[in-house]
Amino acid sequence: MPLLNVFVNNLLPILLLSGAGFALGRALKIDSRPLGRVIFYILSPVLIFNLLISSKLAVESIVLMVGYSASVMLIIAGIAFVLGKLLRLERTLLTVVVLTSLFANNGNYGLPLISFAFGQEALAYASIYFVTNSLLLYTGGVLIASLGHLRLKEALLGLLKVPTIYAIILAVLFIRTGWSLPTPIQKTVELTAGGAIPAMLILLGLELQKVEWTHNLRALSIPVVCRLLVGPVIGLVMAALFGLNSTASKVGITQAGMPSAVMTTILANEYKLDASLVTAIVFVSTILSPLTLTPLLFFLGR
C-alpha cells in the first residue's frame, strides 16, 4: 500500500526514536533541559549553518522563504483567534489557542521528517522555516504570552541570545563571499550537524512524557485542527501566491502541517498560562499527526 510505505519510510523512524526518548524519560526520570540546551546552543545552529552553506541557496530565496513562513504562521494563528472568539473562549484560553496554533514543531519533528521525505536539498528550506518560527517565538510568542504586560525590550534582547540567528547571518556571509571552511573545521561542522537530528528526536520524546491532561476540549480542538488540517491548506495556497519552486513548496506545506511546538510549554510556565492545556495540545497534535502527515506526504510526493 502506498500510504503504508510513506508511513514506514518517513514517519516510523521518527516515532521509534522519539518513542525511545519517551520511554527513557519515563523509566529514568531524565531531565530534558540539559539536552535541550545542547541542541539550542550548539547542534541546531551548526546544523542550520551547514545546511545553508552546503545548499548554496541564493539570499533572495532565503528572504522569500522567510516571508512565506511568517505569512503562513500568522494566517493560521489568525484563523485560530477567530475560531476562539466564535467559541467565546476566555482571554487566557484564547492566548493558549493562538500560541499553540502559531508555533509548530518545525525543528525536532519537522527537520527529520523533511530529511527523510525530500532529502538534503529540502532541508535547507526547512531550516529557514524553522528559524522563522524561532524568531517569531522569541518576539511575538513572548508578547502574546505576557497577556498585556508586554515586554518588548526583553523580547528583543532575547533575540540576541538565539544562536540560530548568528548561524544564518554567518551562512549568508559565506554564500555572498564564496568563502569555504578549512577542512578540519568543515569536518567538525559536518560531524556536529550529523548528531543534531537524532538528538532532536530524543528530546521530543523526553518532552512529550511530561504531558498533563485537560478537560477543556473546545480549546484543545482548535489548535489541533488548525495545525494538522488548516495549516497544509494555507501552506498550499501561500506557496502558489509566493511562487515557490517545487522543493520549497513541498517543504513549506509540510512544515505548515506540523503539530504544535513543544517550546510553547515553556512560555506557558513562564507566563502562568494553562500549562496542562498547552501540554495536552502538544501531545494530542503530535500523536494524531501521522494520520494527517502520511496522506500529505503521499500527495506531495506524487
C-alpha atoms as a PDB file:
ATOM      1  CA  MET A   1       0.000   0.000   0.000  1.00  0.00           C
ATOM      2  CA  PRO A   2       1.437   3.413  -0.983  1.00  0.00           C
ATOM      3  CA  LEU A   3       0.248   5.149   2.201  1.00  0.00           C
ATOM      4  CA  LEU A   4       1.742   2.423   4.382  1.00  0.00           C
ATOM      5  CA  ASN A   5       5.056   2.746   2.545  1.00  0.00           C
ATOM      6  CA  VAL A   6       5.049   6.516   3.128  1.00  0.00           C
ATOM      7  CA  PHE A   7       4.380   5.987   6.829  1.00  0.00           C
ATOM      8  CA  VAL A   8       7.014   3.257   7.277  1.00  0.00           C
ATOM      9  CA  ASN A   9       9.739   5.054   5.346  1.00  0.00           C
ATOM     10  CA  ASN A  10       9.209   8.595   6.629  1.00  0.00           C
ATOM     11  CA  LEU A  11       7.285   8.697   9.896  1.00  0.00           C
ATOM     12  CA  LEU A  12       8.006   5.385  11.611  1.00  0.00           C
ATOM     13  CA  PRO A  13      11.755   6.056  12.130  1.00  0.00           C
ATOM     14  CA  ILE A  14      10.855   9.375  13.780  1.00  0.00           C
ATOM     15  CA  LEU A  15       8.236   7.781  16.013  1.00  0.00           C
ATOM     16  CA  LEU A  16      10.580   4.971  17.041  1.00  0.00           C
ATOM     17  CA  LEU A  17      13.428   7.270  18.078  1.00  0.00           C
ATOM     18  CA  SER A  18      11.200   9.799  19.829  1.00  0.00           C
ATOM     19  CA  GLY A  19       9.373   6.857  21.430  1.00  0.00           C
ATOM     20  CA  ALA A  20      12.708   5.678  22.797  1.00  0.00           C
ATOM     21  CA  GLY A  21      13.226   9.129  24.300  1.00  0.00           C
ATOM     22  CA  PHE A  22       9.710   8.993  25.779  1.00  0.00           C
ATOM     23  CA  ALA A  23      10.336   5.573  27.348  1.00  0.00           C
ATOM     24  CA  LEU A  24      13.757   6.620  28.637  1.00  0.00           C
ATOM     25  CA  GLY A  25      12.294   9.714  30.261  1.00  0.00           C
ATOM     26  CA  ARG A  26       9.559   7.695  31.935  1.00  0.00           C
ATOM     27  CA  ALA A  27      11.915   4.945  33.146  1.00  0.00           C
ATOM     28  CA  LEU A  28      14.856   7.026  34.368  1.00  0.00           C
ATOM     29  CA  LYS A  29      13.156  10.383  35.051  1.00  0.00           C
ATOM     30  CA  ILE A  30      15.690  12.157  32.841  1.00  0.00           C
ATOM     31  CA  ASP A  31      15.673  15.953  32.828  1.00  0.00           C
ATOM     32  CA  SER A  32      15.333  17.134  29.228  1.00  0.00           C
ATOM     33  CA  ARG A  33      16.711  20.639  29.855  1.00  0.00           C
ATOM     34  CA  PRO A  34      20.456  19.875  29.521  1.00  0.00           C
ATOM     35  CA  LEU A  35      19.919  18.100  26.191  1.00  0.00           C
ATOM     36  CA  GLY A  36      17.656  20.932  25.070  1.00  0.00           C
ATOM     37  CA  ARG A  37      20.375  23.473  25.797  1.00  0.00           C
ATOM     38  CA  VAL A  38      22.994  21.471  23.901  1.00  0.00           C
ATOM     39  CA  ILE A  39      20.665  21.358  20.890  1.00  0.00           C
ATOM     40  CA  PHE A  40      19.717  25.034  21.199  1.00  0.00           C
ATOM     41  CA  TYR A  41      23.222  26.443  21.594  1.00  0.00           C
ATOM     42  CA  ILE A  42      25.347  24.013  19.561  1.00  0.00           C
ATOM     43  CA  LEU A  43      23.677  21.328  17.461  1.00  0.00           C
ATOM     44  CA  SER A  44      20.811  23.311  15.917  1.00  0.00           C
ATOM     45  CA  PRO A  45      22.785  26.412  14.836  1.00  0.00           C
ATOM     46  CA  VAL A  46      25.603  24.269  13.433  1.00  0.00           C
ATOM     47  CA  LEU A  47      23.075  22.143  11.539  1.00  0.00           C
ATOM     48  CA  ILE A  48      21.411  25.206  10.023  1.00  0.00           C
ATOM     49  CA  PHE A  49      24.748  26.803   9.103  1.00  0.00           C
ATOM     50  CA  ASN A  50      25.879  23.582   7.439  1.00  0.00           C
ATOM     51  CA  LEU A  51      22.605  23.159   5.540  1.00  0.00           C
ATOM     52  CA  LEU A  52      22.699  26.693   4.159  1.00  0.00           C
ATOM     53  CA  ILE A  53      26.320  26.752   3.034  1.00  0.00           C
ATOM     54  CA  SER A  54      26.016  23.263   1.557  1.00  0.00           C
ATOM     55  CA  SER A  55      22.876  24.094  -0.397  1.00  0.00           C
ATOM     56  CA  LYS A  56      24.223  27.375  -1.782  1.00  0.00           C
ATOM     57  CA  LEU A  57      20.736  28.889  -1.650  1.00  0.00           C
ATOM     58  CA  ALA A  58      20.587  32.394  -3.060  1.00  0.00           C
ATOM     59  CA  VAL A  59      19.988  35.115  -0.498  1.00  0.00           C
ATOM     60  CA  GLU A  60      16.826  36.052  -2.423  1.00  0.00           C
ATOM     61  CA  SER A  61      15.498  32.504  -1.935  1.00  0.00           C
ATOM     62  CA  ILE A  62      16.189  32.735   1.804  1.00  0.00           C
ATOM     63  CA  VAL A  63      14.309  36.052   2.093  1.00  0.00           C
ATOM     64  CA  LEU A  64      11.378  34.671   0.063  1.00  0.00           C
ATOM     65  CA  MET A  65      11.144  31.607   2.322  1.00  0.00           C
ATOM     66  CA  VAL A  66      11.222  33.781   5.454  1.00  0.00           C
ATOM     67  CA  GLY A  67       8.332  35.874   4.103  1.00  0.00           C
ATOM     68  CA  TYR A  68       6.359  32.782   3.149  1.00  0.00           C
ATOM     69  CA  SER A  69       6.915  31.107   6.519  1.00  0.00           C
ATOM     70  CA  ALA A  70       5.906  34.150   8.555  1.00  0.00           C
ATOM     71  CA  SER A  71       2.802  34.704   6.409  1.00  0.00           C
ATOM     72  CA  VAL A  72       1.617  31.108   6.782  1.00  0.00           C
ATOM     73  CA  MET A  73       2.169  31.092  10.546  1.00  0.00           C
ATOM     74  CA  LEU A  74       0.350  34.380  11.118  1.00  0.00           C
ATOM     75  CA  ILE A  75      -2.632  33.395   8.952  1.00  0.00           C
ATOM     76  CA  ILE A  76      -3.040  30.109  10.856  1.00  0.00           C
ATOM     77  CA  ALA A  77      -2.859  31.985  14.156  1.00  0.00           C
ATOM     78  CA  GLY A  78      -5.440  34.490  12.876  1.00  0.00           C
ATOM     79  CA  ILE A  79      -7.853  31.687  11.984  1.00  0.00           C
ATOM     80  CA  ALA A  80      -7.368  30.151  15.445  1.00  0.00           C
ATOM     81  CA  PHE A  81      -8.088  33.542  17.033  1.00  0.00           C
ATOM     82  CA  VAL A  82     -11.347  33.920  15.088  1.00  0.00           C
ATOM     83  CA  LEU A  83     -12.450  30.381  15.993  1.00  0.00           C
ATOM     84  CA  GLY A  84     -11.625  31.018  19.648  1.00  0.00           C
ATOM     85  CA  LYS A  85     -13.685  34.195  19.601  1.00  0.00           C
ATOM     86  CA  LEU A  86     -16.610  32.372  17.981  1.00  0.00           C
ATOM     87  CA  LEU A  87     -16.471  29.760  20.751  1.00  0.00           C
ATOM     88  CA  ARG A  88     -16.284  32.605  23.303  1.00  0.00           C
ATOM     89  CA  LEU A  89     -13.135  31.377  24.993  1.00  0.00           C
ATOM     90  CA  GLU A  90     -11.911  33.483  27.896  1.00  0.00           C
ATOM     91  CA  ARG A  91      -8.775  35.546  27.394  1.00  0.00           C
ATOM     92  CA  THR A  92      -6.221  33.153  28.923  1.00  0.00           C
ATOM     93  CA  LEU A  93      -7.599  30.194  26.974  1.00  0.00           C
ATOM     94  CA  LEU A  94      -7.640  32.245  23.776  1.00  0.00           C
ATOM     95  CA  THR A  95      -3.981  33.111  24.371  1.00  0.00           C
ATOM     96  CA  VAL A  96      -3.105  29.416  24.648  1.00  0.00           C
ATOM     97  CA  VAL A  97      -5.071  28.621  21.488  1.00  0.00           C
ATOM     98  CA  VAL A  98      -3.272  31.320  19.474  1.00  0.00           C
ATOM     99  CA  LEU A  99       0.170  30.360  20.793  1.00  0.00           C
ATOM    100  CA  THR A 100      -0.185  26.649  20.058  1.00  0.00           C
ATOM    101  CA  SER A 101      -1.656  27.361  16.617  1.00  0.00           C
ATOM    102  CA  LEU A 102       1.023  29.891  15.693  1.00  0.00           C
ATOM    103  CA  PHE A 103       4.062  27.809  16.629  1.00  0.00           C
ATOM    104  CA  ALA A 104       4.625  24.356  15.136  1.00  0.00           C
ATOM    105  CA  ASN A 105       7.262  21.741  15.867  1.00  0.00           C
ATOM    106  CA  ASN A 106       9.303  22.647  12.793  1.00  0.00           C
ATOM    107  CA  GLY A 107      12.608  21.666  14.424  1.00  0.00           C
ATOM    108  CA  ASN A 108      12.563  18.474  16.476  1.00  0.00           C
ATOM    109  CA  TYR A 109       9.917  16.893  14.248  1.00  0.00           C
ATOM    110  CA  GLY A 110       9.842  18.892  11.021  1.00  0.00           C
ATOM    111  CA  LEU A 111      13.528  18.754  10.095  1.00  0.00           C
ATOM    112  CA  PRO A 112      13.899  14.948  10.438  1.00  0.00           C
ATOM    113  CA  LEU A 113      10.634  14.335   8.580  1.00  0.00           C
ATOM    114  CA  ILE A 114      11.627  16.541   5.654  1.00  0.00           C
ATOM    115  CA  SER A 115      15.074  14.962   5.580  1.00  0.00           C
ATOM    116  CA  PHE A 116      13.511  11.502   5.169  1.00  0.00           C
ATOM    117  CA  ALA A 117      10.765  12.589   2.775  1.00  0.00           C
ATOM    118  CA  PHE A 118      12.504  15.052   0.466  1.00  0.00           C
ATOM    119  CA  GLY A 119      16.269  14.771   1.007  1.00  0.00           C
ATOM    120  CA  GLN A 120      19.137  17.108   1.862  1.00  0.00           C
ATOM    121  CA  GLU A 121      18.280  19.852  -0.631  1.00  0.00           C
ATOM    122  CA  ALA A 122      14.888  20.316   1.012  1.00  0.00           C
ATOM    123  CA  LEU A 123      16.459  20.560   4.477  1.00  0.00           C
ATOM    124  CA  ALA A 124      17.904  23.965   3.648  1.00  0.00           C
ATOM    125  CA  TYR A 125      14.419  25.362   3.005  1.00  0.00           C
ATOM    126  CA  ALA A 126      13.093  23.565   6.086  1.00  0.00           C
ATOM    127  CA  SER A 127      15.763  25.191   8.239  1.00  0.00           C
ATOM    128  CA  ILE A 128      14.657  28.664   7.066  1.00  0.00           C
ATOM    129  CA  TYR A 129      11.075  27.881   8.072  1.00  0.00           C
ATOM    130  CA  PHE A 130      12.349  26.591  11.437  1.00  0.00           C
ATOM    131  CA  VAL A 131      14.417  29.702  12.095  1.00  0.00           C
ATOM    132  CA  THR A 132      11.497  31.988  11.153  1.00  0.00           C
ATOM    133  CA  ASN A 133       9.382  30.060  13.649  1.00  0.00           C
ATOM    134  CA  SER A 134      12.079  30.564  16.309  1.00  0.00           C
ATOM    135  CA  LEU A 135      12.364  34.303  15.636  1.00  0.00           C
ATOM    136  CA  LEU A 136       8.604  34.774  15.990  1.00  0.00           C
ATOM    137  CA  LEU A 137       8.583  32.593  19.099  1.00  0.00           C
ATOM    138  CA  TYR A 138      11.117  34.771  20.896  1.00  0.00           C
ATOM    139  CA  THR A 139       9.339  38.000  19.946  1.00  0.00           C
ATOM    140  CA  GLY A 140       5.653  37.579  19.146  1.00  0.00           C
ATOM    141  CA  GLY A 141       5.356  34.480  21.327  1.00  0.00           C
ATOM    142  CA  VAL A 142       6.620  36.350  24.378  1.00  0.00           C
ATOM    143  CA  LEU A 143       4.364  39.317  23.630  1.00  0.00           C
ATOM    144  CA  ILE A 144       1.267  37.130  23.233  1.00  0.00           C
ATOM    145  CA  ALA A 145       2.002  35.046  26.321  1.00  0.00           C
ATOM    146  CA  SER A 146       2.531  38.109  28.518  1.00  0.00           C
ATOM    147  CA  LEU A 147      -1.185  38.984  28.157  1.00  0.00           C
ATOM    148  CA  GLY A 148      -0.963  42.757  28.087  1.00  0.00           C
ATOM    149  CA  HIS A 149       2.080  43.425  30.283  1.00  0.00           C
ATOM    150  CA  LEU A 150       4.204  43.451  27.140  1.00  0.00           C
ATOM    151  CA  ARG A 151       7.936  43.060  27.491  1.00  0.00           C
ATOM    152  CA  LEU A 152       9.050  44.257  24.092  1.00  0.00           C
ATOM    153  CA  LYS A 153      12.530  45.233  25.287  1.00  0.00           C
ATOM    154  CA  GLU A 154      13.113  41.844  26.904  1.00  0.00           C
ATOM    155  CA  ALA A 155      11.798  40.059  23.827  1.00  0.00           C
ATOM    156  CA  LEU A 156      14.108  41.985  21.501  1.00  0.00           C
ATOM    157  CA  LEU A 157      17.093  41.485  23.797  1.00  0.00           C
ATOM    158  CA  GLY A 158      16.231  37.805  23.959  1.00  0.00           C
ATOM    159  CA  LEU A 159      16.736  37.603  20.203  1.00  0.00           C
ATOM    160  CA  LEU A 160      20.410  38.384  20.744  1.00  0.00           C
ATOM    161  CA  LYS A 161      20.659  35.134  22.702  1.00  0.00           C
ATOM    162  CA  VAL A 162      19.292  32.975  19.870  1.00  0.00           C
ATOM    163  CA  PRO A 163      22.358  31.384  18.226  1.00  0.00           C
ATOM    164  CA  THR A 164      20.495  30.318  15.091  1.00  0.00           C
ATOM    165  CA  ILE A 165      20.288  33.992  14.079  1.00  0.00           C
ATOM    166  CA  TYR A 166      24.079  34.228  14.018  1.00  0.00           C
ATOM    167  CA  ALA A 167      24.247  30.912  12.146  1.00  0.00           C
ATOM    168  CA  ILE A 168      22.088  32.355   9.347  1.00  0.00           C
ATOM    169  CA  ILE A 169      23.998  35.653   9.224  1.00  0.00           C
ATOM    170  CA  LEU A 170      27.295  33.778   9.009  1.00  0.00           C
ATOM    171  CA  ALA A 171      25.938  31.412   6.349  1.00  0.00           C
ATOM    172  CA  VAL A 172      24.665  34.341   4.246  1.00  0.00           C
ATOM    173  CA  LEU A 173      28.115  35.923   4.532  1.00  0.00           C
ATOM    174  CA  PHE A 174      29.753  32.715   3.287  1.00  0.00           C
ATOM    175  CA  ILE A 175      27.245  32.425   0.432  1.00  0.00           C
ATOM    176  CA  ARG A 176      27.750  36.062  -0.637  1.00  0.00           C
ATOM    177  CA  THR A 177      31.547  35.942  -0.500  1.00  0.00           C
ATOM    178  CA  GLY A 178      32.064  32.391  -1.752  1.00  0.00           C
ATOM    179  CA  TRP A 179      34.221  31.561   1.256  1.00  0.00           C
ATOM    180  CA  SER A 180      34.769  27.957   2.280  1.00  0.00           C
ATOM    181  CA  LEU A 181      35.708  26.467   5.633  1.00  0.00           C
ATOM    182  CA  PRO A 182      39.125  24.923   6.255  1.00  0.00           C
ATOM    183  CA  THR A 183      38.911  21.133   6.007  1.00  0.00           C
ATOM    184  CA  PRO A 184      39.278  20.371   9.764  1.00  0.00           C
ATOM    185  CA  ILE A 185      36.554  22.878  10.647  1.00  0.00           C
ATOM    186  CA  GLN A 186      34.308  21.639   7.840  1.00  0.00           C
ATOM    187  CA  LYS A 187      34.606  18.078   9.132  1.00  0.00           C
ATOM    188  CA  THR A 188      33.820  19.286  12.656  1.00  0.00           C
ATOM    189  CA  VAL A 189      30.739  21.126  11.392  1.00  0.00           C
ATOM    190  CA  GLU A 190      29.541  18.077   9.451  1.00  0.00           C
ATOM    191  CA  LEU A 191      30.109  15.787  12.444  1.00  0.00           C
ATOM    192  CA  THR A 192      28.198  18.123  14.762  1.00  0.00           C
ATOM    193  CA  ALA A 193      25.357  18.646  12.287  1.00  0.00           C
ATOM    194  CA  GLY A 194      25.007  14.880  11.872  1.00  0.00           C
ATOM    195  CA  GLY A 195      24.138  14.499  15.550  1.00  0.00           C
ATOM    196  CA  ALA A 196      21.515  17.247  15.609  1.00  0.00           C
ATOM    197  CA  ILE A 197      18.503  15.412  14.187  1.00  0.00           C
ATOM    198  CA  PRO A 198      18.790  12.241  16.331  1.00  0.00           C
ATOM    199  CA  ALA A 199      19.215  14.435  19.421  1.00  0.00           C
ATOM    200  CA  MET A 200      16.146  16.493  18.442  1.00  0.00           C
ATOM    201  CA  LEU A 201      14.011  13.358  18.168  1.00  0.00           C
ATOM    202  CA  ILE A 202      15.136  12.045  21.545  1.00  0.00           C
ATOM    203  CA  LEU A 203      14.380  15.457  23.062  1.00  0.00           C
ATOM    204  CA  LEU A 204      10.898  15.378  21.504  1.00  0.00           C
ATOM    205  CA  GLY A 205      10.196  12.082  23.278  1.00  0.00           C
ATOM    206  CA  LEU A 206      11.576  13.382  26.572  1.00  0.00           C
ATOM    207  CA  GLU A 207       9.357  16.449  26.371  1.00  0.00           C
ATOM    208  CA  LEU A 208       6.200  14.522  25.453  1.00  0.00           C
ATOM    209  CA  GLN A 209       6.440  12.328  28.551  1.00  0.00           C
ATOM    210  CA  LYS A 210       5.657  15.409  30.677  1.00  0.00           C
ATOM    211  CA  VAL A 211       2.105  15.565  29.321  1.00  0.00           C
ATOM    212  CA  GLU A 212      -0.792  16.633  31.562  1.00  0.00           C
ATOM    213  CA  TRP A 213      -4.426  16.228  30.576  1.00  0.00           C
ATOM    214  CA  THR A 214      -7.115  18.873  30.281  1.00  0.00           C
ATOM    215  CA  HIS A 215     -10.912  18.784  30.253  1.00  0.00           C
ATOM    216  CA  ASN A 216     -11.257  21.863  28.050  1.00  0.00           C
ATOM    217  CA  LEU A 217     -11.908  20.050  24.804  1.00  0.00           C
ATOM    218  CA  ARG A 218     -13.145  23.163  22.959  1.00  0.00           C
ATOM    219  CA  ALA A 219      -9.856  24.976  23.474  1.00  0.00           C
ATOM    220  CA  LEU A 220      -7.870  21.811  22.747  1.00  0.00           C
ATOM    221  CA  SER A 221      -9.601  21.102  19.445  1.00  0.00           C
ATOM    222  CA  ILE A 222      -8.907  24.458  17.777  1.00  0.00           C
ATOM    223  CA  PRO A 223      -5.065  24.268  17.645  1.00  0.00           C
ATOM    224  CA  VAL A 224      -5.162  20.585  16.709  1.00  0.00           C
ATOM    225  CA  VAL A 225      -7.453  21.298  13.740  1.00  0.00           C
ATOM    226  CA  CYS A 226      -5.578  24.474  12.754  1.00  0.00           C
ATOM    227  CA  ARG A 227      -2.168  22.844  12.856  1.00  0.00           C
ATOM    228  CA  LEU A 228      -2.948  19.486  11.248  1.00  0.00           C
ATOM    229  CA  LEU A 229      -5.781  20.298   8.813  1.00  0.00           C
ATOM    230  CA  VAL A 230      -5.947  24.043   8.172  1.00  0.00           C
ATOM    231  CA  GLY A 231      -2.163  24.510   8.105  1.00  0.00           C
ATOM    232  CA  PRO A 232      -1.394  22.461   4.973  1.00  0.00           C
ATOM    233  CA  VAL A 233      -4.219  24.173   3.066  1.00  0.00           C
ATOM    234  CA  ILE A 234      -2.886  27.623   3.965  1.00  0.00           C
ATOM    235  CA  GLY A 235       0.620  26.432   3.092  1.00  0.00           C
ATOM    236  CA  LEU A 236      -0.535  25.244  -0.328  1.00  0.00           C
ATOM    237  CA  VAL A 237      -2.350  28.482  -1.162  1.00  0.00           C
ATOM    238  CA  MET A 238       0.505  30.702   0.005  1.00  0.00           C
ATOM    239  CA  ALA A 239       3.106  28.630  -1.869  1.00  0.00           C
ATOM    240  CA  ALA A 240       1.258  29.448  -5.093  1.00  0.00           C
ATOM    241  CA  LEU A 241       0.951  33.130  -4.183  1.00  0.00           C
ATOM    242  CA  PHE A 242       4.657  33.393  -3.308  1.00  0.00           C
ATOM    243  CA  GLY A 243       5.692  31.486  -6.437  1.00  0.00           C
ATOM    244  CA  LEU A 244       7.830  28.969  -4.556  1.00  0.00           C
ATOM    245  CA  ASN A 245       9.670  26.321  -6.549  1.00  0.00           C
ATOM    246  CA  SER A 246       8.654  22.662  -6.245  1.00  0.00           C
ATOM    247  CA  THR A 247      11.038  21.745  -3.423  1.00  0.00           C
ATOM    248  CA  ALA A 248      10.343  24.859  -1.373  1.00  0.00           C
ATOM    249  CA  SER A 249       6.574  24.330  -1.824  1.00  0.00           C
ATOM    250  CA  LYS A 250       6.732  20.746  -0.546  1.00  0.00           C
ATOM    251  CA  VAL A 251       8.767  21.868   2.452  1.00  0.00           C
ATOM    252  CA  GLY A 252       6.511  24.820   3.242  1.00  0.00           C
ATOM    253  CA  ILE A 253       3.281  22.816   3.019  1.00  0.00           C
ATOM    254  CA  THR A 254       4.711  20.052   5.206  1.00  0.00           C
ATOM    255  CA  GLN A 255       6.045  22.478   7.821  1.00  0.00           C
ATOM    256  CA  ALA A 256       2.665  24.245   7.839  1.00  0.00           C
ATOM    257  CA  GLY A 257       1.028  20.953   8.850  1.00  0.00           C
ATOM    258  CA  MET A 258       3.310  20.043  11.744  1.00  0.00           C
ATOM    259  CA  PRO A 259       1.892  19.646  15.290  1.00  0.00           C
ATOM    260  CA  SER A 260       2.176  22.315  17.983  1.00  0.00           C
ATOM    261  CA  ALA A 261       5.652  23.225  19.239  1.00  0.00           C
ATOM    262  CA  VAL A 262       6.995  21.795  22.478  1.00  0.00           C
ATOM    263  CA  MET A 263       8.500  25.230  23.214  1.00  0.00           C
ATOM    264  CA  THR A 264       5.005  26.618  23.889  1.00  0.00           C
ATOM    265  CA  THR A 265       5.017  24.692  27.176  1.00  0.00           C
ATOM    266  CA  ILE A 266       7.948  26.831  28.323  1.00  0.00           C
ATOM    267  CA  LEU A 267       6.031  30.034  27.553  1.00  0.00           C
ATOM    268  CA  ALA A 268       3.002  28.661  29.384  1.00  0.00           C
ATOM    269  CA  ASN A 269       5.015  28.019  32.548  1.00  0.00           C
ATOM    270  CA  GLU A 270       6.858  31.340  32.315  1.00  0.00           C
ATOM    271  CA  TYR A 271       3.697  33.433  31.964  1.00  0.00           C
ATOM    272  CA  LYS A 272       1.385  31.324  34.139  1.00  0.00           C
ATOM    273  CA  LEU A 273      -0.943  30.191  31.380  1.00  0.00           C
ATOM    274  CA  ASP A 274      -2.850  26.877  31.494  1.00  0.00           C
ATOM    275  CA  ALA A 275       0.156  24.533  31.290  1.00  0.00           C
ATOM    276  CA  SER A 276      -1.994  21.384  31.331  1.00  0.00           C
ATOM    277  CA  LEU A 277      -3.935  22.636  28.305  1.00  0.00           C
ATOM    278  CA  VAL A 278      -0.730  23.506  26.428  1.00  0.00           C
ATOM    279  CA  THR A 279       0.926  20.127  27.070  1.00  0.00           C
ATOM    280  CA  ALA A 280      -2.303  18.326  26.118  1.00  0.00           C
ATOM    281  CA  ILE A 281      -2.469  20.255  22.815  1.00  0.00           C
ATOM    282  CA  VAL A 282       1.172  19.455  22.039  1.00  0.00           C
ATOM    283  CA  PHE A 283       0.685  15.781  22.915  1.00  0.00           C
ATOM    284  CA  VAL A 284      -2.602  15.251  21.050  1.00  0.00           C
ATOM    285  CA  SER A 285      -1.481  17.113  17.923  1.00  0.00           C
ATOM    286  CA  THR A 286       1.782  15.125  17.877  1.00  0.00           C
ATOM    287  CA  ILE A 287       0.079  11.756  18.397  1.00  0.00           C
ATOM    288  CA  LEU A 288      -2.508  12.471  15.689  1.00  0.00           C
ATOM    289  CA  SER A 289      -0.004  13.975  13.229  1.00  0.00           C
ATOM    290  CA  PRO A 290       0.897  10.671  11.483  1.00  0.00           C
ATOM    291  CA  LEU A 291      -2.763  10.387  10.424  1.00  0.00           C
ATOM    292  CA  THR A 292      -2.578  13.706   8.559  1.00  0.00           C
ATOM    293  CA  LEU A 293       1.094  13.832   7.567  1.00  0.00           C
ATOM    294  CA  THR A 294       1.099  10.396   5.913  1.00  0.00           C
ATOM    295  CA  PRO A 295      -1.510  11.293   3.242  1.00  0.00           C
ATOM    296  CA  LEU A 296       0.008  14.768   2.941  1.00  0.00           C
ATOM    297  CA  LEU A 297       3.444  13.355   2.137  1.00  0.00           C
ATOM    298  CA  PHE A 298       1.857  10.904  -0.283  1.00  0.00           C
ATOM    299  CA  PHE A 299       0.069  13.784  -2.047  1.00  0.00           C
ATOM    300  CA  LEU A 300       3.240  15.913  -2.212  1.00  0.00           C
ATOM    301  CA  GLY A 301       5.348  13.014  -3.429  1.00  0.00           C
ATOM    302  CA  ARG A 302       3.171  12.188  -6.431  1.00  0.00           C
END
